[in-house]
Amino acid sequence: MAKSDRFIYVLTGCTTTGIILSTWKVMGLFFIHLQRDTNSSAKTISLVLGLVSAMSYLYGPIHAVVYERFGARTATALGGLLTAFGISLSSVITRIETIGAIYGIFPGFGIGITNLAFFTMSSDIFRNKLSLVNNTFSASHSVAAVMLAPLTQILINTYGWRGALLILGGLILQAVPVSLINSRYYEKLKLSRAHPAVDSRFLQSQSQTETKGMCERLKSLLRDPIFIIYAFSMTFTTVSKLSVILYTVRFTQSVGISDEKAVSVVTLQETLSLICAPLIGYLTSSPSKDTQAEQPVKKRLSLVSYVQRIPRPCSHAFLSILFGFSVLVPVIAESYTGFMISGALNGIILGGNTALPVTVLADLFGSRDLAMAQGVRCLMAGIGSIFYPLLIGSVIDNTGSYRISAYGAALLSWTSAFLTVITYIAIKRGRSGTRESGAHLREISGNNSRDFLGPVGVK
């Protein structure tokens, strides 16, 4: 398999996910404008903007069925079309309730199926560098958001928030032809036996997927206590990030900081995220056993090699703990400097922790059950993404302070770290539950260069 095919797959994947998923990251810029023009409460606007995230996860089981029934090409193209249509349609709607419904139905479905499709596709064709590829996709969201945040603010100032939404819809539509190119190379990579990730174990798992009913696989997942615990961990991680996306700009504006400076906080956060995502992705990946054996002893004992041997669940938990502290910085120092420090720390941490939870999920269940596992955990994240903005918005309306959004994000992030550690300890002790996940883990840890508990072949 030519390296150029892998390069084109990653490049087109970054372009598609960057354009579509970055939309979610700039929705906070519309918070104050929607609140003023529709005369709505913070609770209502929180729910409306949160529906994009919530529904993108609540549709999880449907996404999994669409992906498995119709394939990657249909799923990725559908994601771009629905997101573009929903964003454009909301620009001509006057009622805030209707805008919320549109966001939940169209961008919610489109963003969610795009996210699920690309993580699932990557797990099919990459093994050793899966963490690096996933983090590169996550970095693409930040690259697009760095450019999109100031551009969106300019569009809002020039054409109003309605004109800005219409233009964003047209921009998102450009991702559809790119996604079609990407799916072509995915199919080529998946079928090629020359790629080291597509070996006999992958072909065998594909056969098992075809013979094992989706309902049976779903029941198997739901009976696995380890999966449920880790799904809750991923839910709390997702909702804590949602809190930062929804409330950072509005929290900054609420303490008297100008719109332009508020946008600069988001720009700094996304800039550092895009820089750190590939770096942390590389540090949480590992070379194959053959490559490790060929490395000189000095390199195998280097700091980078040591970091690569850290189990990925531990890296995820550590970053979640740091994120809990970083979101509290503006509470301690409600100044432009405090928000910039928090934005910088958030960017560094999110650069590594955005795709890492899904990478760990792929380590746990492999490509065979990843789409279904993603669907279930997305459903849980969607429920959390509905109730959290409602709760936080109610507190904001009663207190007039946006500090509660930082407290909530910190608490959720620390809880996620705790549950991730519990999952890791349970698996390490062999408590794999009623499902055959223990046997599956032993299978992949005996063949892959790096399993859920860490790389093999390194003493």
Protein backbone atom coordinates (compact mmCIF):
# COMPACT_ATOMS: atom_id res chain seq x y z
CA MET A 1 0.00 0.00 0.00
CA ALA A 2 1.49 3.32 -1.07
CA LYS A 3 2.17 5.89 1.61
CA SER A 4 0.55 8.45 -0.67
CA ASP A 5 -2.82 6.72 -0.19
CA ARG A 6 -2.55 7.02 3.58
CA PHE A 7 -1.46 10.65 3.24
CA ILE A 8 -4.43 11.53 1.01
CA TYR A 9 -6.80 9.72 3.39
CA VAL A 10 -5.53 11.70 6.39
CA LEU A 11 -5.44 15.00 4.45
CA THR A 12 -8.98 14.70 3.12
CA GLY A 13 -10.18 13.45 6.49
CA CYS A 14 -8.68 16.46 8.24
CA THR A 15 -10.28 18.80 5.71
CA THR A 16 -13.72 17.23 6.08
CA THR A 17 -13.76 16.94 9.86
CA GLY A 18 -12.11 20.33 10.26
CA ILE A 19 -14.80 22.13 8.26
CA ILE A 20 -17.79 20.29 9.71
CA LEU A 21 -16.83 19.81 13.36
CA SER A 22 -15.27 23.25 13.88
CA THR A 23 -18.78 24.69 13.53
CA TRP A 24 -19.60 23.33 16.97
CA LYS A 25 -16.60 25.13 18.46
CA VAL A 26 -17.69 28.61 17.36
CA MET A 27 -21.36 28.36 18.34
CA GLY A 28 -20.57 30.16 21.60
CA LEU A 29 -19.98 33.35 19.57
CA PHE A 30 -23.71 33.48 18.81
CA PHE A 31 -24.76 33.19 22.48
CA ILE A 32 -25.08 36.88 23.30
CA HIS A 33 -26.65 37.78 19.93
CA LEU A 34 -29.32 35.10 20.17
CA GLN A 35 -30.01 36.11 23.76
CA ARG A 36 -30.46 39.77 22.87
CA ASP A 37 -32.38 39.45 19.59
CA THR A 38 -34.81 36.79 20.82
CA ASN A 39 -35.12 38.20 24.35
CA SER A 40 -34.37 34.77 25.79
CA SER A 41 -32.87 33.62 29.08
CA ALA A 42 -29.41 32.10 29.48
CA LYS A 43 -31.13 28.78 30.21
CA THR A 44 -32.94 28.83 26.86
CA ILE A 45 -29.88 29.81 24.81
CA SER A 46 -27.78 27.21 26.64
CA LEU A 47 -30.29 24.56 25.65
CA VAL A 48 -30.55 25.72 22.03
CA LEU A 49 -26.80 25.80 21.43
CA GLY A 50 -26.26 22.69 23.52
CA LEU A 51 -28.69 20.78 21.32
CA VAL A 52 -26.07 20.69 18.54
CA SER A 53 -23.81 18.71 20.83
CA ALA A 54 -26.53 16.79 22.64
CA MET A 55 -28.31 15.52 19.55
CA SER A 56 -25.04 14.70 17.78
CA TYR A 57 -24.56 12.15 20.57
CA LEU A 58 -28.17 11.12 21.17
CA TYR A 59 -28.39 9.92 17.58
CA GLY A 60 -25.43 7.61 18.33
CA PRO A 61 -27.20 4.24 17.87
CA ILE A 62 -28.84 5.52 14.66
CA HIS A 63 -25.45 6.73 13.43
CA ALA A 64 -24.02 3.26 14.05
CA VAL A 65 -26.84 1.60 12.08
CA VAL A 66 -26.53 4.07 9.16
CA TYR A 67 -22.76 3.61 9.05
CA GLU A 68 -22.92 -0.18 9.08
CA ARG A 69 -25.86 -0.45 6.67
CA PHE A 70 -24.88 2.17 4.08
CA GLY A 71 -21.11 2.49 4.50
CA ALA A 72 -18.60 5.26 5.06
CA ARG A 73 -19.24 7.10 1.80
CA THR A 74 -22.93 7.71 2.55
CA ALA A 75 -22.31 8.51 6.21
CA THR A 76 -19.64 11.18 5.64
CA ALA A 77 -21.48 12.84 2.72
CA LEU A 78 -24.73 12.88 4.71
CA GLY A 79 -22.95 14.53 7.61
CA GLY A 80 -21.81 17.48 5.52
CA LEU A 81 -25.12 17.94 3.73
CA LEU A 82 -27.26 17.93 6.87
CA THR A 83 -24.95 20.23 8.81
CA ALA A 84 -24.80 22.78 5.99
CA PHE A 85 -28.57 22.68 5.47
CA GLY A 86 -29.38 23.12 9.17
CA ILE A 87 -26.98 26.02 9.76
CA SER A 88 -28.24 27.83 6.64
CA LEU A 89 -31.91 27.22 7.47
CA SER A 90 -31.55 28.63 11.00
CA SER A 91 -30.48 31.98 9.55
CA VAL A 92 -34.03 32.72 8.35
CA ILE A 93 -35.94 31.49 11.42
CA THR A 94 -37.25 33.99 13.97
CA ARG A 95 -38.46 31.79 16.83
CA ILE A 96 -35.76 30.53 19.17
CA GLU A 97 -37.64 27.28 19.77
CA THR A 98 -37.63 26.51 16.04
CA ILE A 99 -33.92 27.32 15.79
CA GLY A 100 -33.26 24.85 18.59
CA ALA A 101 -35.29 22.15 16.83
CA ILE A 102 -33.42 22.73 13.56
CA TYR A 103 -30.05 22.55 15.31
CA GLY A 104 -31.02 19.33 17.00
CA ILE A 105 -32.33 17.64 13.84
CA PHE A 106 -29.86 18.66 11.13
CA PRO A 107 -26.44 19.82 12.45
CA GLY A 108 -26.90 17.51 15.42
CA PHE A 109 -27.22 14.46 13.18
CA GLY A 110 -24.62 15.65 10.67
CA ILE A 111 -21.86 16.46 13.15
CA GLY A 112 -22.47 13.27 15.10
CA ILE A 113 -22.32 10.89 12.16
CA THR A 114 -19.20 12.63 10.82
CA ASN A 115 -17.46 12.20 14.15
CA LEU A 116 -18.42 8.53 14.45
CA ALA A 117 -17.56 7.71 10.83
CA PHE A 118 -14.03 9.09 10.86
CA PHE A 119 -13.00 7.57 14.18
CA THR A 120 -14.40 4.21 13.06
CA MET A 121 -12.73 4.34 9.66
CA SER A 122 -9.35 5.15 11.18
CA SER A 123 -9.59 2.23 13.59
CA ASP A 124 -10.18 -0.07 10.60
CA ILE A 125 -6.96 0.83 8.80
CA PHE A 126 -4.54 2.00 11.49
CA ARG A 127 -3.20 0.24 14.56
CA ASN A 128 0.22 1.44 15.71
CA LYS A 129 -0.42 5.06 14.79
CA LEU A 130 -4.14 5.19 15.59
CA SER A 131 -3.66 7.70 18.41
CA LEU A 132 -1.58 9.95 16.14
CA VAL A 133 -4.15 9.83 13.33
CA ASN A 134 -7.09 10.49 15.66
CA ASN A 135 -5.30 13.41 17.28
CA THR A 136 -4.42 14.79 13.84
CA PHE A 137 -8.12 14.75 12.97
CA SER A 138 -8.82 16.56 16.25
CA ALA A 139 -6.13 19.10 15.42
CA SER A 140 -7.93 19.82 12.15
CA HIS A 141 -10.96 21.05 14.15
CA SER A 142 -8.66 23.48 15.92
CA VAL A 143 -6.97 24.63 12.71
CA ALA A 144 -10.38 25.43 11.25
CA ALA A 145 -11.61 26.99 14.49
CA VAL A 146 -8.56 29.28 14.71
CA MET A 147 -9.49 30.73 11.34
CA LEU A 148 -13.24 30.42 11.79
CA ALA A 149 -13.54 32.18 15.18
CA PRO A 150 -12.26 35.64 14.09
CA LEU A 151 -13.87 35.19 10.66
CA THR A 152 -17.23 34.45 12.27
CA GLN A 153 -16.95 37.52 14.51
CA ILE A 154 -16.17 39.66 11.45
CA LEU A 155 -19.15 38.18 9.62
CA ILE A 156 -21.40 38.87 12.62
CA ASN A 157 -20.20 42.49 12.80
CA THR A 158 -20.65 42.94 9.03
CA TYR A 159 -23.77 40.94 8.17
CA GLY A 160 -25.33 40.23 11.56
CA TRP A 161 -25.62 36.81 13.14
CA ARG A 162 -28.14 35.64 10.53
CA GLY A 163 -25.88 36.51 7.61
CA ALA A 164 -22.96 34.86 9.38
CA LEU A 165 -24.91 31.62 9.78
CA LEU A 166 -25.89 31.61 6.10
CA ILE A 167 -22.28 32.04 4.98
CA LEU A 168 -21.10 29.33 7.39
CA GLY A 169 -23.65 26.96 5.89
CA GLY A 170 -22.21 27.55 2.42
CA LEU A 171 -18.70 26.95 3.72
CA ILE A 172 -19.65 23.64 5.34
CA LEU A 173 -21.16 22.45 2.05
CA GLN A 174 -17.65 22.43 0.54
CA ALA A 175 -16.75 19.48 2.78
CA VAL A 176 -19.08 17.10 0.91
CA PRO A 177 -16.97 16.52 -2.24
CA VAL A 178 -13.85 16.19 -0.09
CA SER A 179 -15.57 13.51 2.00
CA LEU A 180 -16.34 11.53 -1.16
CA ILE A 181 -12.64 11.53 -2.08
CA ASN A 182 -11.78 10.47 1.46
CA SER A 183 -14.21 7.53 1.47
CA ARG A 184 -12.75 6.27 -1.80
CA TYR A 185 -9.28 6.06 -0.29
CA TYR A 186 -10.66 4.52 2.89
CA GLU A 187 -12.19 1.68 0.91
CA LYS A 188 -8.93 1.21 -0.96
CA LEU A 189 -6.90 1.10 2.25
CA LYS A 190 -9.34 -1.20 3.99
CA LEU A 191 -9.24 -3.81 1.24
CA SER A 192 -5.51 -3.71 0.70
CA ARG A 193 -3.72 -6.65 2.34
CA ALA A 194 -0.43 -4.85 1.95
CA HIS A 195 -1.26 -2.50 4.83
CA PRO A 196 0.09 -3.92 8.12
CA ALA A 197 -3.05 -2.94 10.01
CA VAL A 198 -5.30 -4.97 7.71
CA ASP A 199 -4.11 -8.45 8.61
CA SER A 200 -5.88 -11.76 9.09
CA ARG A 201 -7.27 -10.68 12.46
CA PHE A 202 -9.00 -7.72 10.80
CA LEU A 203 -10.48 -9.86 8.03
CA GLN A 204 -11.63 -12.37 10.62
CA SER A 205 -13.28 -9.64 12.67
CA GLN A 206 -15.07 -8.42 9.55
CA SER A 207 -16.49 -11.89 9.03
CA GLN A 208 -17.59 -12.05 12.66
CA THR A 209 -19.30 -8.67 12.28
CA GLU A 210 -21.32 -9.89 9.33
CA THR A 211 -22.52 -13.03 11.13
CA LYS A 212 -23.17 -11.51 14.53
CA GLY A 213 -26.41 -9.53 14.73
CA MET A 214 -26.31 -5.92 15.78
CA CYS A 215 -28.88 -6.51 18.53
CA GLU A 216 -26.79 -9.29 20.00
CA ARG A 217 -23.68 -7.13 19.92
CA LEU A 218 -25.55 -4.27 21.56
CA LYS A 219 -26.77 -6.53 24.37
CA SER A 220 -23.24 -7.82 24.80
CA LEU A 221 -21.91 -4.30 25.23
CA LEU A 222 -24.63 -3.31 27.70
CA ARG A 223 -23.89 -6.38 29.84
CA ASP A 224 -20.23 -5.44 30.14
CA PRO A 225 -19.75 -3.37 33.34
CA ILE A 226 -16.33 -2.18 32.19
CA PHE A 227 -17.82 -0.70 29.05
CA ILE A 228 -20.57 1.04 31.04
CA ILE A 229 -18.06 2.56 33.46
CA TYR A 230 -15.85 3.81 30.65
CA ALA A 231 -18.87 5.08 28.70
CA PHE A 232 -19.76 7.25 31.72
CA SER A 233 -16.17 8.46 31.81
CA MET A 234 -16.36 9.48 28.15
CA THR A 235 -19.72 11.16 28.80
CA PHE A 236 -18.27 13.34 31.55
CA THR A 237 -15.29 14.21 29.35
CA THR A 238 -17.61 15.26 26.53
CA VAL A 239 -19.89 17.38 28.73
CA SER A 240 -16.93 19.13 30.41
CA LYS A 241 -15.64 20.16 26.98
CA LEU A 242 -19.15 21.29 26.03
CA SER A 243 -19.16 23.59 29.04
CA VAL A 244 -15.98 25.29 27.85
CA ILE A 245 -17.27 25.63 24.29
CA LEU A 246 -20.65 27.08 25.32
CA TYR A 247 -19.65 29.43 28.10
CA THR A 248 -16.04 30.62 27.62
CA VAL A 249 -16.92 33.59 25.42
CA ARG A 250 -20.01 34.55 27.43
CA PHE A 251 -18.17 34.19 30.75
CA THR A 252 -15.44 36.48 29.42
CA GLN A 253 -17.98 39.06 28.21
CA SER A 254 -19.87 38.95 31.52
CA VAL A 255 -16.91 40.44 33.42
CA GLY A 256 -16.66 43.45 31.10
CA ILE A 257 -14.15 42.14 28.54
CA SER A 258 -14.81 43.20 24.92
CA ASP A 259 -16.06 40.84 22.22
CA GLU A 260 -12.75 41.00 20.34
CA LYS A 261 -10.74 40.02 23.42
CA ALA A 262 -13.21 37.24 24.20
CA VAL A 263 -12.68 35.84 20.71
CA SER A 264 -8.90 36.02 21.20
CA VAL A 265 -9.23 33.66 24.17
CA VAL A 266 -10.89 31.07 21.93
CA THR A 267 -8.33 31.67 19.18
CA LEU A 268 -5.42 31.09 21.57
CA GLN A 269 -7.08 27.96 22.93
CA GLU A 270 -7.59 26.46 19.47
CA THR A 271 -4.11 27.49 18.26
CA LEU A 272 -2.40 25.64 21.09
CA SER A 273 -4.79 22.72 20.66
CA LEU A 274 -3.83 22.26 17.01
CA ILE A 275 -0.12 22.46 17.90
CA CYS A 276 -0.33 19.98 20.76
CA ALA A 277 -2.75 17.45 19.25
CA PRO A 278 -0.27 15.79 16.83
CA LEU A 279 2.51 15.98 19.42
CA ILE A 280 0.47 14.28 22.14
CA GLY A 281 -0.87 11.85 19.55
CA TYR A 282 2.70 10.85 18.75
CA LEU A 283 3.58 10.51 22.42
CA THR A 284 0.61 8.22 23.02
CA SER A 285 1.43 6.05 20.01
CA SER A 286 4.16 3.45 19.83
CA PRO A 287 6.19 1.80 17.05
CA SER A 288 5.73 -1.84 16.19
CA LYS A 289 7.67 -4.51 18.05
CA ASP A 290 10.02 -4.96 15.09
CA THR A 291 10.78 -1.25 15.03
CA GLN A 292 11.36 -1.23 18.79
CA ALA A 293 13.79 -4.13 18.49
CA GLU A 294 15.77 -2.24 15.84
CA GLN A 295 16.07 0.89 17.98
CA PRO A 296 19.36 1.44 19.77
CA VAL A 297 19.28 0.97 23.53
CA LYS A 298 19.89 4.68 24.15
CA LYS A 299 16.80 5.65 22.14
CA ARG A 300 14.65 3.02 23.87
CA LEU A 301 15.65 4.57 27.20
CA SER A 302 14.90 8.15 26.07
CA LEU A 303 12.21 10.35 27.62
CA VAL A 304 9.98 10.03 24.54
CA SER A 305 10.22 6.24 24.65
CA TYR A 306 9.36 6.32 28.36
CA VAL A 307 6.28 8.50 27.75
CA GLN A 308 5.14 6.19 24.94
CA ARG A 309 5.18 3.28 27.38
CA ILE A 310 2.70 5.01 29.71
CA PRO A 311 -0.70 3.27 29.40
CA ARG A 312 -3.11 5.39 27.41
CA PRO A 313 -5.84 5.27 30.09
CA CYS A 314 -3.36 6.80 32.53
CA SER A 315 -2.50 9.56 30.08
CA HIS A 316 -6.22 10.26 29.58
CA ALA A 317 -6.84 10.41 33.34
CA PHE A 318 -3.85 12.69 33.94
CA LEU A 319 -4.96 15.15 31.27
CA SER A 320 -8.52 15.13 32.66
CA ILE A 321 -7.22 16.06 36.12
CA LEU A 322 -5.19 18.94 34.67
CA PHE A 323 -8.21 20.13 32.68
CA GLY A 324 -10.24 20.36 35.87
CA PHE A 325 -7.71 22.77 37.32
CA SER A 326 -7.23 24.82 34.15
CA VAL A 327 -10.94 25.69 33.77
CA LEU A 328 -10.94 27.12 37.30
CA VAL A 329 -8.25 29.73 36.58
CA PRO A 330 -10.79 32.43 35.48
CA VAL A 331 -12.70 31.89 38.74
CA ILE A 332 -9.55 32.74 40.69
CA ALA A 333 -8.55 35.62 38.41
CA GLU A 334 -11.52 37.20 36.63
CA SER A 335 -9.38 39.27 34.27
CA TYR A 336 -8.30 39.12 30.67
CA THR A 337 -4.97 37.64 31.78
CA GLY A 338 -6.75 34.94 33.77
CA PHE A 339 -8.92 33.96 30.82
CA MET A 340 -5.90 33.89 28.50
CA ILE A 341 -3.98 31.63 30.88
CA SER A 342 -6.99 29.33 31.15
CA GLY A 343 -7.44 29.34 27.36
CA ALA A 344 -3.79 28.43 26.85
CA LEU A 345 -3.92 25.56 29.35
CA ASN A 346 -7.24 24.34 27.98
CA GLY A 347 -5.83 24.34 24.46
CA ILE A 348 -2.78 22.28 25.43
CA ILE A 349 -4.86 19.72 27.34
CA LEU A 350 -7.71 19.47 24.83
CA GLY A 351 -5.15 19.01 22.08
CA GLY A 352 -4.35 15.64 23.58
CA ASN A 353 -7.55 14.67 25.33
CA THR A 354 -10.08 15.25 22.55
CA ALA A 355 -9.36 12.08 20.56
CA LEU A 356 -7.59 10.05 23.26
CA PRO A 357 -10.80 8.71 24.91
CA VAL A 358 -11.99 7.29 21.58
CA THR A 359 -8.54 5.80 20.94
CA VAL A 360 -8.74 4.02 24.28
CA LEU A 361 -12.21 2.79 23.33
CA ALA A 362 -10.75 1.35 20.12
CA ASP A 363 -8.04 -0.35 22.19
CA LEU A 364 -10.73 -1.90 24.35
CA PHE A 365 -13.09 -3.25 21.71
CA GLY A 366 -11.18 -3.16 18.44
CA SER A 367 -12.66 -2.22 15.08
CA ARG A 368 -15.23 -5.02 15.27
CA ASP A 369 -17.48 -3.33 17.83
CA LEU A 370 -16.26 0.24 17.68
CA ALA A 371 -19.18 1.67 15.69
CA MET A 372 -21.70 0.07 18.07
CA ALA A 373 -19.69 1.07 21.16
CA GLN A 374 -19.48 4.62 19.82
CA GLY A 375 -23.23 4.64 19.27
CA VAL A 376 -23.99 3.60 22.84
CA ARG A 377 -21.54 5.98 24.48
CA CYS A 378 -22.77 8.82 22.22
CA LEU A 379 -26.33 8.21 23.40
CA MET A 380 -25.16 8.62 27.00
CA ALA A 381 -23.18 11.74 26.13
CA GLY A 382 -26.20 13.20 24.38
CA ILE A 383 -28.39 12.79 27.46
CA GLY A 384 -25.74 14.52 29.54
CA SER A 385 -25.39 17.30 26.97
CA ILE A 386 -29.10 18.10 27.29
CA PHE A 387 -29.39 18.14 31.07
CA TYR A 388 -26.10 19.93 31.77
CA PRO A 389 -26.88 23.18 29.84
CA LEU A 390 -30.36 23.23 31.38
CA LEU A 391 -28.94 22.94 34.89
CA ILE A 392 -26.11 25.42 34.34
CA GLY A 393 -28.38 27.87 32.50
CA SER A 394 -30.88 27.82 35.38
CA VAL A 395 -28.16 28.60 37.91
CA ILE A 396 -26.83 31.42 35.70
CA ASP A 397 -30.31 32.96 35.43
CA ASN A 398 -30.73 32.85 39.21
CA THR A 399 -27.24 34.07 40.17
CA GLY A 400 -26.20 36.18 37.18
CA SER A 401 -22.74 34.60 37.34
CA TYR A 402 -21.09 32.26 34.86
CA ARG A 403 -18.69 30.82 37.43
CA ILE A 404 -20.90 27.76 37.81
CA SER A 405 -19.90 26.68 34.27
CA ALA A 406 -16.27 26.43 35.38
CA TYR A 407 -17.16 24.56 38.57
CA GLY A 408 -19.28 22.10 36.60
CA ALA A 409 -16.59 21.45 33.99
CA ALA A 410 -13.96 20.85 36.66
CA LEU A 411 -16.14 18.41 38.63
CA LEU A 412 -17.05 16.43 35.50
CA SER A 413 -13.45 16.27 34.33
CA TRP A 414 -12.19 14.95 37.68
CA THR A 415 -14.98 12.37 37.78
CA SER A 416 -14.01 11.23 34.30
CA ALA A 417 -10.41 10.75 35.42
CA PHE A 418 -11.53 8.68 38.40
CA LEU A 419 -13.74 6.39 36.28
CA THR A 420 -10.97 5.94 33.71
CA VAL A 421 -8.59 4.78 36.43
CA ILE A 422 -11.24 2.40 37.77
CA THR A 423 -11.66 0.95 34.26
CA TYR A 424 -7.92 0.52 33.85
CA ILE A 425 -7.50 -1.19 37.22
CA ALA A 426 -10.45 -3.52 36.57
CA ILE A 427 -9.06 -4.62 33.21
CA LYS A 428 -5.55 -5.02 34.57
CA ARG A 429 -6.89 -7.33 37.25
CA GLY A 430 -8.80 -9.33 34.67
CA ARG A 431 -12.30 -8.30 35.78
CA SER A 432 -13.70 -8.17 32.26
CA GLY A 433 -17.37 -8.68 33.20
CA THR A 434 -19.84 -11.01 31.55
CA ARG A 435 -18.76 -10.12 28.03
CA GLU A 436 -15.82 -11.84 26.31
CA SER A 437 -13.84 -8.57 26.47
CA GLY A 438 -11.12 -10.19 28.56
CA ALA A 439 -10.41 -12.76 25.87
CA HIS A 440 -10.58 -10.08 23.23
CA LEU A 441 -8.11 -7.93 25.15
CA ARG A 442 -5.71 -10.85 25.51
CA GLU A 443 -6.02 -11.46 21.80
CA ILE A 444 -5.18 -7.91 20.77
CA SER A 445 -2.49 -7.49 23.41
CA GLY A 446 -0.78 -10.61 22.15
CA ASN A 447 -0.71 -9.38 18.54
CA ASN A 448 -0.72 -5.59 18.52
CA SER A 449 2.29 -3.51 19.30
CA ARG A 450 0.32 -1.55 21.85
CA ASP A 451 -2.81 -2.72 23.69
CA PHE A 452 -5.15 -1.05 26.13
CA LEU A 453 -2.76 -1.53 29.04
CA GLY A 454 0.30 -0.38 27.19
CA PRO A 455 2.80 -1.53 24.56
CA VAL A 456 3.96 -5.10 24.51
CA GLY A 457 7.45 -6.28 23.82
CA VAL A 458 8.95 -3.60 26.08
CA LYS A 459 10.27 -4.81 29.37
